[in-house]
Amino acid sequence: MSSTRVAEMTEEELKELVQTVVRQTVVDLLSDPDEDLELREEMKDRLRSSLAATETAPAAEVAAGLGLD
């Protein structure tokens, strides 16, 4: 089917092609390119420092502050 023109495809072939492209696009968008990589200690320390310095609030409090309660 790779050398077939879209105009020559049956409805079923076109549907299959679109599904394949959409499926691959979703996989590409949701996959983590760094999945097999390991974080260096320096980066872990920076992330810990950042998290410690970050102010957090419960979701209900944030919603109330935005008038969404």
Protein backbone atom coordinates (compact mmCIF):
# COMPACT_ATOMS: atom_id res chain seq x y z
CA MET A 1 0.00 0.00 0.00
CA SER A 2 3.00 2.34 0.36
CA SER A 3 3.11 3.08 -3.39
CA THR A 4 -0.67 3.45 -3.70
CA ARG A 5 -2.03 6.95 -4.25
CA VAL A 6 -4.76 8.14 -1.92
CA ALA A 7 -7.11 8.57 -4.87
CA GLU A 8 -6.65 4.88 -5.70
CA MET A 9 -7.32 3.61 -2.16
CA THR A 10 -10.51 1.97 -1.09
CA GLU A 11 -12.39 3.51 1.81
CA GLU A 12 -11.15 0.71 4.07
CA GLU A 13 -7.50 1.22 3.02
CA LEU A 14 -7.74 4.96 3.66
CA LYS A 15 -9.36 4.36 7.04
CA GLU A 16 -6.57 1.94 7.97
CA LEU A 17 -3.91 4.42 6.86
CA VAL A 18 -5.44 7.25 8.90
CA GLN A 19 -5.77 5.01 11.98
CA THR A 20 -2.13 3.96 11.67
CA VAL A 21 -0.93 7.54 11.35
CA VAL A 22 -3.06 8.74 14.27
CA ARG A 23 -1.98 5.81 16.46
CA GLN A 24 1.71 6.46 15.74
CA THR A 25 1.28 10.20 16.36
CA VAL A 26 -0.33 9.56 19.75
CA VAL A 27 2.44 7.15 20.70
CA ASP A 28 5.07 9.70 19.63
CA LEU A 29 3.40 12.49 21.63
CA LEU A 30 2.91 10.45 24.79
CA SER A 31 6.18 8.55 24.86
CA ASP A 32 9.08 9.72 27.00
CA PRO A 33 12.26 10.09 24.95
CA ASP A 34 14.30 10.10 28.18
CA GLU A 35 12.72 6.92 29.55
CA ASP A 36 15.93 4.89 29.70
CA LEU A 37 18.15 7.73 30.88
CA GLU A 38 19.21 8.23 34.47
CA LEU A 39 19.18 11.57 36.30
CA ARG A 40 22.56 12.81 37.48
CA GLU A 41 22.91 13.49 41.22
CA GLU A 42 23.48 17.18 40.49
CA MET A 43 20.11 17.39 38.74
CA LYS A 44 18.38 15.44 41.51
CA ASP A 45 19.76 17.93 44.04
CA ARG A 46 18.56 20.87 41.95
CA LEU A 47 15.09 19.36 41.67
CA ARG A 48 14.94 18.72 45.42
CA SER A 49 15.96 22.33 46.11
CA SER A 50 13.37 23.60 43.68
CA LEU A 51 10.62 21.50 45.24
CA ALA A 52 11.61 22.61 48.75
CA ALA A 53 11.39 26.26 47.68
CA THR A 54 8.03 25.82 45.95
CA GLU A 55 4.92 26.93 47.78
CA THR A 56 2.05 24.47 47.44
CA ALA A 57 -1.63 24.68 48.30
CA PRO A 58 -4.49 22.22 48.32
CA ALA A 59 -6.56 22.14 45.13
CA ALA A 60 -9.70 23.25 47.01
CA GLU A 61 -7.86 26.33 48.29
CA VAL A 62 -6.63 27.22 44.80
CA ALA A 63 -10.13 26.74 43.36
CA ALA A 64 -11.63 28.97 46.07
CA GLY A 65 -8.99 31.63 45.36
CA LEU A 66 -10.00 31.57 41.69
CA GLY A 67 -13.71 31.76 42.55
CA LEU A 68 -14.33 28.20 41.36
CA ASP A 69 -15.73 26.85 44.62
